[in-house]
Amino acid sequence: MKKDLHPEYHTIKVQMTDGTVFETRSTWGSEGDTLQLDIDPKSHPAWTGGNQRLLDAGGQVARFNKRFGGLSLGKK
């Protein structure tokens, strides 16, 4: 196998959004660096059940119809 083909694989720390830290092995950064996450399973709506503000689908349709309701694509 060729030498220096693979990146360096070392131990780093990962800091979650709530401040908890765990160690893992990665090719990111260098030995002992800390990766601070902006989004993780504890804060992202896909994992938390979407407790953040969601847009109303009915409001989106009404806004679309208000903007484009006068356009006609059919035959005259």
PDB file of N, CA and C in Angstrom:
ATOM      1  N   MET A   1       0.823  -1.180   0.000  1.00  0.00           N
ATOM      2  CA  MET A   1       0.000   0.000   0.000  1.00  0.00           C
ATOM      3  C   MET A   1       0.875   1.255   0.000  1.00  0.00           C
ATOM      4  N   LYS A   2       0.384   2.333  -0.599  1.00  0.00           N
ATOM      5  CA  LYS A   2       1.155   3.572  -0.655  1.00  0.00           C
ATOM      6  C   LYS A   2       1.266   4.206   0.733  1.00  0.00           C
ATOM      7  N   LYS A   3       2.400   4.809   1.004  1.00  0.00           N
ATOM      8  CA  LYS A   3       2.580   5.516   2.263  1.00  0.00           C
ATOM      9  C   LYS A   3       1.840   6.850   2.198  1.00  0.00           C
ATOM     10  N   ASP A   4       1.395   7.335   3.355  1.00  0.00           N
ATOM     11  CA  ASP A   4       0.710   8.637   3.487  1.00  0.00           C
ATOM     12  C   ASP A   4      -0.533   8.756   2.625  1.00  0.00           C
ATOM     13  N   LEU A   5      -1.190   7.642   2.347  1.00  0.00           N
ATOM     14  CA  LEU A   5      -2.402   7.656   1.546  1.00  0.00           C
ATOM     15  C   LEU A   5      -3.617   8.093   2.381  1.00  0.00           C
ATOM     16  N   HIS A   6      -3.681   7.633   3.612  1.00  0.00           N
ATOM     17  CA  HIS A   6      -4.814   7.928   4.473  1.00  0.00           C
ATOM     18  C   HIS A   6      -4.513   9.108   5.394  1.00  0.00           C
ATOM     19  N   PRO A   7      -5.558   9.919   5.718  1.00  0.00           N
ATOM     20  CA  PRO A   7      -5.329  11.029   6.656  1.00  0.00           C
ATOM     21  C   PRO A   7      -5.073  10.503   8.072  1.00  0.00           C
ATOM     22  N   GLU A   8      -4.498  11.360   8.898  1.00  0.00           N
ATOM     23  CA  GLU A   8      -4.197  10.991  10.284  1.00  0.00           C
ATOM     24  C   GLU A   8      -5.504  10.773  11.053  1.00  0.00           C
ATOM     25  N   TYR A   9      -5.582   9.682  11.777  1.00  0.00           N
ATOM     26  CA  TYR A   9      -6.758   9.315  12.560  1.00  0.00           C
ATOM     27  C   TYR A   9      -6.375   9.435  14.026  1.00  0.00           C
ATOM     28  N   HIS A  10      -7.031  10.358  14.769  1.00  0.00           N
ATOM     29  CA  HIS A  10      -6.614  10.664  16.131  1.00  0.00           C
ATOM     30  C   HIS A  10      -7.836  10.944  17.014  1.00  0.00           C
ATOM     31  N   THR A  11      -7.587  11.153  18.303  1.00  0.00           N
ATOM     32  CA  THR A  11      -8.659  11.392  19.274  1.00  0.00           C
ATOM     33  C   THR A  11      -8.956  12.888  19.366  1.00  0.00           C
ATOM     34  N   ILE A  12     -10.257  13.235  19.299  1.00  0.00           N
ATOM     35  CA  ILE A  12     -10.697  14.620  19.481  1.00  0.00           C
ATOM     36  C   ILE A  12     -11.834  14.625  20.492  1.00  0.00           C
ATOM     37  N   LYS A  13     -12.200  15.815  20.955  1.00  0.00           N
ATOM     38  CA  LYS A  13     -13.352  15.982  21.841  1.00  0.00           C
ATOM     39  C   LYS A  13     -14.459  16.670  21.047  1.00  0.00           C
ATOM     40  N   VAL A  14     -15.697  16.244  21.267  1.00  0.00           N
ATOM     41  CA  VAL A  14     -16.863  16.848  20.624  1.00  0.00           C
ATOM     42  C   VAL A  14     -17.721  17.465  21.715  1.00  0.00           C
ATOM     43  N   GLN A  15     -18.000  18.776  21.585  1.00  0.00           N
ATOM     44  CA  GLN A  15     -18.820  19.476  22.571  1.00  0.00           C
ATOM     45  C   GLN A  15     -20.212  19.695  21.980  1.00  0.00           C
ATOM     46  N   MET A  16     -21.221  19.147  22.661  1.00  0.00           N
ATOM     47  CA  MET A  16     -22.610  19.272  22.224  1.00  0.00           C
ATOM     48  C   MET A  16     -23.122  20.682  22.553  1.00  0.00           C
ATOM     49  N   THR A  17     -24.312  21.026  22.062  1.00  0.00           N
ATOM     50  CA  THR A  17     -24.872  22.354  22.286  1.00  0.00           C
ATOM     51  C   THR A  17     -25.198  22.601  23.750  1.00  0.00           C
ATOM     52  N   ASP A  18     -25.452  21.548  24.516  1.00  0.00           N
ATOM     53  CA  ASP A  18     -25.763  21.734  25.942  1.00  0.00           C
ATOM     54  C   ASP A  18     -24.513  21.742  26.820  1.00  0.00           C
ATOM     55  N   GLY A  19     -23.328  21.623  26.208  1.00  0.00           N
ATOM     56  CA  GLY A  19     -22.084  21.703  26.954  1.00  0.00           C
ATOM     57  C   GLY A  19     -21.449  20.369  27.280  1.00  0.00           C
ATOM     58  N   THR A  20     -22.150  19.262  27.094  1.00  0.00           N
ATOM     59  CA  THR A  20     -21.551  17.956  27.368  1.00  0.00           C
ATOM     60  C   THR A  20     -20.462  17.676  26.339  1.00  0.00           C
ATOM     61  N   VAL A  21     -19.433  16.965  26.777  1.00  0.00           N
ATOM     62  CA  VAL A  21     -18.277  16.670  25.937  1.00  0.00           C
ATOM     63  C   VAL A  21     -18.028  15.165  25.938  1.00  0.00           C
ATOM     64  N   PHE A  22     -17.698  14.626  24.761  1.00  0.00           N
ATOM     65  CA  PHE A  22     -17.287  13.234  24.691  1.00  0.00           C
ATOM     66  C   PHE A  22     -16.106  13.122  23.740  1.00  0.00           C
ATOM     67  N   GLU A  23     -15.342  12.051  23.900  1.00  0.00           N
ATOM     68  CA  GLU A  23     -14.179  11.822  23.056  1.00  0.00           C
ATOM     69  C   GLU A  23     -14.513  10.801  21.986  1.00  0.00           C
ATOM     70  N   THR A  24     -13.960  11.017  20.802  1.00  0.00           N
ATOM     71  CA  THR A  24     -14.117  10.086  19.697  1.00  0.00           C
ATOM     72  C   THR A  24     -12.871  10.169  18.831  1.00  0.00           C
ATOM     73  N   ARG A  25     -12.765   9.273  17.881  1.00  0.00           N
ATOM     74  CA  ARG A  25     -11.643   9.306  16.951  1.00  0.00           C
ATOM     75  C   ARG A  25     -12.130   9.857  15.628  1.00  0.00           C
ATOM     76  N   SER A  26     -11.288  10.701  14.989  1.00  0.00           N
ATOM     77  CA  SER A  26     -11.692  11.373  13.774  1.00  0.00           C
ATOM     78  C   SER A  26     -10.480  11.798  12.965  1.00  0.00           C
ATOM     79  N   THR A  27     -10.709  12.176  11.715  1.00  0.00           N
ATOM     80  CA  THR A  27      -9.664  12.767  10.887  1.00  0.00           C
ATOM     81  C   THR A  27      -9.750  14.292  10.931  1.00  0.00           C
ATOM     82  N   TRP A  28     -10.768  14.846  11.607  1.00  0.00           N
ATOM     83  CA  TRP A  28     -10.957  16.292  11.727  1.00  0.00           C
ATOM     84  C   TRP A  28      -9.933  16.885  12.678  1.00  0.00           C
ATOM     85  N   GLY A  29      -9.395  18.047  12.363  1.00  0.00           N
ATOM     86  CA  GLY A  29      -8.491  18.769  13.265  1.00  0.00           C
ATOM     87  C   GLY A  29      -7.213  18.016  13.549  1.00  0.00           C
ATOM     88  N   SER A  30      -6.722  18.235  14.749  1.00  0.00           N
ATOM     89  CA  SER A  30      -5.514  17.529  15.179  1.00  0.00           C
ATOM     90  C   SER A  30      -5.751  16.951  16.571  1.00  0.00           C
ATOM     91  N   GLU A  31      -4.813  16.164  17.034  1.00  0.00           N
ATOM     92  CA  GLU A  31      -4.933  15.464  18.320  1.00  0.00           C
ATOM     93  C   GLU A  31      -5.311  16.426  19.449  1.00  0.00           C
ATOM     94  N   GLY A  32      -6.401  16.130  20.174  1.00  0.00           N
ATOM     95  CA  GLY A  32      -6.803  16.915  21.332  1.00  0.00           C
ATOM     96  C   GLY A  32      -7.683  18.115  21.031  1.00  0.00           C
ATOM     97  N   ASP A  33      -7.964  18.434  19.753  1.00  0.00           N
ATOM     98  CA  ASP A  33      -8.838  19.563  19.413  1.00  0.00           C
ATOM     99  C   ASP A  33     -10.267  19.301  19.887  1.00  0.00           C
ATOM    100  N   THR A  34     -11.048  20.381  20.050  1.00  0.00           N
ATOM    101  CA  THR A  34     -12.449  20.273  20.453  1.00  0.00           C
ATOM    102  C   THR A  34     -13.332  20.793  19.323  1.00  0.00           C
ATOM    103  N   LEU A  35     -14.231  19.943  18.849  1.00  0.00           N
ATOM    104  CA  LEU A  35     -15.196  20.301  17.817  1.00  0.00           C
ATOM    105  C   LEU A  35     -16.474  20.746  18.519  1.00  0.00           C
ATOM    106  N   GLN A  36     -16.862  22.021  18.342  1.00  0.00           N
ATOM    107  CA  GLN A  36     -18.067  22.542  18.978  1.00  0.00           C
ATOM    108  C   GLN A  36     -19.203  22.504  17.972  1.00  0.00           C
ATOM    109  N   LEU A  37     -20.271  21.793  18.311  1.00  0.00           N
ATOM    110  CA  LEU A  37     -21.397  21.627  17.413  1.00  0.00           C
ATOM    111  C   LEU A  37     -22.392  22.775  17.547  1.00  0.00           C
ATOM    112  N   ASP A  38     -22.933  23.246  16.417  1.00  0.00           N
ATOM    113  CA  ASP A  38     -24.000  24.242  16.413  1.00  0.00           C
ATOM    114  C   ASP A  38     -25.361  23.555  16.472  1.00  0.00           C
ATOM    115  N   ILE A  39     -25.457  22.398  15.852  1.00  0.00           N
ATOM    116  CA  ILE A  39     -26.697  21.623  15.809  1.00  0.00           C
ATOM    117  C   ILE A  39     -26.342  20.181  16.156  1.00  0.00           C
ATOM    118  N   ASP A  40     -27.138  19.570  17.012  1.00  0.00           N
ATOM    119  CA  ASP A  40     -26.944  18.166  17.357  1.00  0.00           C
ATOM    120  C   ASP A  40     -28.306  17.522  17.620  1.00  0.00           C
ATOM    121  N   PRO A  41     -28.357  16.223  17.850  1.00  0.00           N
ATOM    122  CA  PRO A  41     -29.648  15.554  18.071  1.00  0.00           C
ATOM    123  C   PRO A  41     -30.441  16.083  19.263  1.00  0.00           C
ATOM    124  N   LYS A  42     -29.791  16.787  20.189  1.00  0.00           N
ATOM    125  CA  LYS A  42     -30.514  17.326  21.345  1.00  0.00           C
ATOM    126  C   LYS A  42     -31.201  18.647  21.021  1.00  0.00           C
ATOM    127  N   SER A  43     -30.818  19.307  19.905  1.00  0.00           N
ATOM    128  CA  SER A  43     -31.393  20.618  19.596  1.00  0.00           C
ATOM    129  C   SER A  43     -32.070  20.693  18.229  1.00  0.00           C
ATOM    130  N   HIS A  44     -31.836  19.744  17.350  1.00  0.00           N
ATOM    131  CA  HIS A  44     -32.395  19.811  15.999  1.00  0.00           C
ATOM    132  C   HIS A  44     -33.848  19.339  15.991  1.00  0.00           C
ATOM    133  N   PRO A  45     -34.746  20.070  15.296  1.00  0.00           N
ATOM    134  CA  PRO A  45     -36.169  19.715  15.289  1.00  0.00           C
ATOM    135  C   PRO A  45     -36.463  18.321  14.735  1.00  0.00           C
ATOM    136  N   ALA A  46     -35.608  17.797  13.870  1.00  0.00           N
ATOM    137  CA  ALA A  46     -35.844  16.462  13.317  1.00  0.00           C
ATOM    138  C   ALA A  46     -35.804  15.395  14.400  1.00  0.00           C
ATOM    139  N   TRP A  47     -35.023  15.602  15.460  1.00  0.00           N
ATOM    140  CA  TRP A  47     -34.918  14.629  16.546  1.00  0.00           C
ATOM    141  C   TRP A  47     -35.731  15.026  17.774  1.00  0.00           C
ATOM    142  N   THR A  48     -36.048  16.310  17.924  1.00  0.00           N
ATOM    143  CA  THR A  48     -36.741  16.752  19.130  1.00  0.00           C
ATOM    144  C   THR A  48     -38.255  16.810  18.955  1.00  0.00           C
ATOM    145  N   GLY A  49     -38.759  16.520  17.763  1.00  0.00           N
ATOM    146  CA  GLY A  49     -40.197  16.543  17.538  1.00  0.00           C
ATOM    147  C   GLY A  49     -40.690  17.875  17.018  1.00  0.00           C
ATOM    148  N   GLY A  50     -39.801  18.737  16.604  1.00  0.00           N
ATOM    149  CA  GLY A  50     -40.198  20.001  15.988  1.00  0.00           C
ATOM    150  C   GLY A  50     -40.837  20.978  16.938  1.00  0.00           C
ATOM    151  N   ASN A  51     -40.289  21.139  18.141  1.00  0.00           N
ATOM    152  CA  ASN A  51     -40.877  22.052  19.106  1.00  0.00           C
ATOM    153  C   ASN A  51     -40.556  23.512  18.799  1.00  0.00           C
ATOM    154  N   GLN A  52     -39.889  23.763  17.660  1.00  0.00           N
ATOM    155  CA  GLN A  52     -39.638  25.134  17.244  1.00  0.00           C
ATOM    156  C   GLN A  52     -40.794  25.606  16.374  1.00  0.00           C
ATOM    157  N   ARG A  53     -40.826  26.910  16.066  1.00  0.00           N
ATOM    158  CA  ARG A  53     -41.906  27.507  15.283  1.00  0.00           C
ATOM    159  C   ARG A  53     -41.926  26.925  13.874  1.00  0.00           C
ATOM    160  N   LEU A  54     -43.065  26.403  13.454  1.00  0.00           N
ATOM    161  CA  LEU A  54     -43.245  25.870  12.113  1.00  0.00           C
ATOM    162  C   LEU A  54     -44.182  26.785  11.338  1.00  0.00           C
ATOM    163  N   LEU A  55     -43.953  26.898  10.034  1.00  0.00           N
ATOM    164  CA  LEU A  55     -44.815  27.728   9.204  1.00  0.00           C
ATOM    165  C   LEU A  55     -46.145  27.034   8.963  1.00  0.00           C
ATOM    166  N   ASP A  56     -47.208  27.802   8.932  1.00  0.00           N
ATOM    167  CA  ASP A  56     -48.542  27.280   8.680  1.00  0.00           C
ATOM    168  C   ASP A  56     -48.689  27.013   7.191  1.00  0.00           C
ATOM    169  N   ALA A  57     -48.980  25.770   6.816  1.00  0.00           N
ATOM    170  CA  ALA A  57     -49.108  25.417   5.397  1.00  0.00           C
ATOM    171  C   ALA A  57     -50.263  26.173   4.757  1.00  0.00           C
ATOM    172  N   GLY A  58     -51.362  26.350   5.463  1.00  0.00           N
ATOM    173  CA  GLY A  58     -52.494  27.099   4.929  1.00  0.00           C
ATOM    174  C   GLY A  58     -52.125  28.543   4.647  1.00  0.00           C
ATOM    175  N   GLY A  59     -51.317  29.131   5.485  1.00  0.00           N
ATOM    176  CA  GLY A  59     -50.858  30.496   5.277  1.00  0.00           C
ATOM    177  C   GLY A  59     -49.964  30.606   4.056  1.00  0.00           C
ATOM    178  N   GLN A  60     -49.181  29.592   3.806  1.00  0.00           N
ATOM    179  CA  GLN A  60     -48.318  29.579   2.630  1.00  0.00           C
ATOM    180  C   GLN A  60     -49.153  29.505   1.354  1.00  0.00           C
ATOM    181  N   VAL A  61     -50.179  28.678   1.349  1.00  0.00           N
ATOM    182  CA  VAL A  61     -51.049  28.558   0.176  1.00  0.00           C
ATOM    183  C   VAL A  61     -51.793  29.858  -0.065  1.00  0.00           C
ATOM    184  N   ALA A  62     -52.296  30.481   0.987  1.00  0.00           N
ATOM    185  CA  ALA A  62     -53.013  31.748   0.847  1.00  0.00           C
ATOM    186  C   ALA A  62     -52.088  32.830   0.296  1.00  0.00           C
ATOM    187  N   ARG A  63     -50.860  32.854   0.759  1.00  0.00           N
ATOM    188  CA  ARG A  63     -49.908  33.841   0.265  1.00  0.00           C
ATOM    189  C   ARG A  63     -49.579  33.597  -1.211  1.00  0.00           C
ATOM    190  N   PHE A  64     -49.446  32.330  -1.595  1.00  0.00           N
ATOM    191  CA  PHE A  64     -49.194  31.997  -3.001  1.00  0.00           C
ATOM    192  C   PHE A  64     -50.363  32.448  -3.869  1.00  0.00           C
ATOM    193  N   ASN A  65     -51.589  32.130  -3.437  1.00  0.00           N
ATOM    194  CA  ASN A  65     -52.771  32.521  -4.211  1.00  0.00           C
ATOM    195  C   ASN A  65     -52.906  34.033  -4.302  1.00  0.00           C
ATOM    196  N   LYS A  66     -52.543  34.741  -3.274  1.00  0.00           N
ATOM    197  CA  LYS A  66     -52.603  36.199  -3.295  1.00  0.00           C
ATOM    198  C   LYS A  66     -51.628  36.768  -4.325  1.00  0.00           C
ATOM    199  N   ARG A  67     -50.442  36.183  -4.417  1.00  0.00           N
ATOM    200  CA  ARG A  67     -49.431  36.670  -5.348  1.00  0.00           C
ATOM    201  C   ARG A  67     -49.695  36.247  -6.787  1.00  0.00           C
ATOM    202  N   PHE A  68     -50.142  35.006  -6.982  1.00  0.00           N
ATOM    203  CA  PHE A  68     -50.235  34.461  -8.331  1.00  0.00           C
ATOM    204  C   PHE A  68     -51.652  34.055  -8.735  1.00  0.00           C
ATOM    205  N   GLY A  69     -52.646  34.398  -7.952  1.00  0.00           N
ATOM    206  CA  GLY A  69     -54.022  33.991  -8.247  1.00  0.00           C
ATOM    207  C   GLY A  69     -54.590  34.551  -9.534  1.00  0.00           C
ATOM    208  N   GLY A  70     -54.112  35.713  -9.966  1.00  0.00           N
ATOM    209  CA  GLY A  70     -54.630  36.325 -11.185  1.00  0.00           C
ATOM    210  C   GLY A  70     -54.042  35.748 -12.467  1.00  0.00           C
ATOM    211  N   LEU A  71     -53.022  34.923 -12.372  1.00  0.00           N
ATOM    212  CA  LEU A  71     -52.406  34.352 -13.565  1.00  0.00           C
ATOM    213  C   LEU A  71     -53.259  33.211 -14.097  1.00  0.00           C
ATOM    214  N   SER A  72     -53.362  33.128 -15.416  1.00  0.00           N
ATOM    215  CA  SER A  72     -54.126  32.064 -16.048  1.00  0.00           C
ATOM    216  C   SER A  72     -53.205  31.319 -16.990  1.00  0.00           C
ATOM    217  N   LEU A  73     -53.107  30.026 -16.837  1.00  0.00           N
ATOM    218  CA  LEU A  73     -52.260  29.216 -17.701  1.00  0.00           C
ATOM    219  C   LEU A  73     -53.064  28.439 -18.728  1.00  0.00           C
ATOM    220  N   GLY A  74     -54.372  28.414 -18.577  1.00  0.00           N
ATOM    221  CA  GLY A  74     -55.226  27.671 -19.499  1.00  0.00           C
ATOM    222  C   GLY A  74     -55.520  28.450 -20.768  1.00  0.00           C
ATOM    223  N   LYS A  75     -56.304  27.807 -21.670  1.00  0.00           N
ATOM    224  CA  LYS A  75     -56.697  28.462 -22.922  1.00  0.00           C
ATOM    225  C   LYS A  75     -57.704  29.553 -22.644  1.00  0.00           C
ATOM    226  N   LYS A  76     -57.688  30.600 -23.485  1.00  0.00           N
ATOM    227  CA  LYS A  76     -58.613  31.709 -23.322  1.00  0.00           C
ATOM    228  C   LYS A  76     -59.765  31.591 -24.287  1.00  0.00           C
TER     229      LYS A  76
END
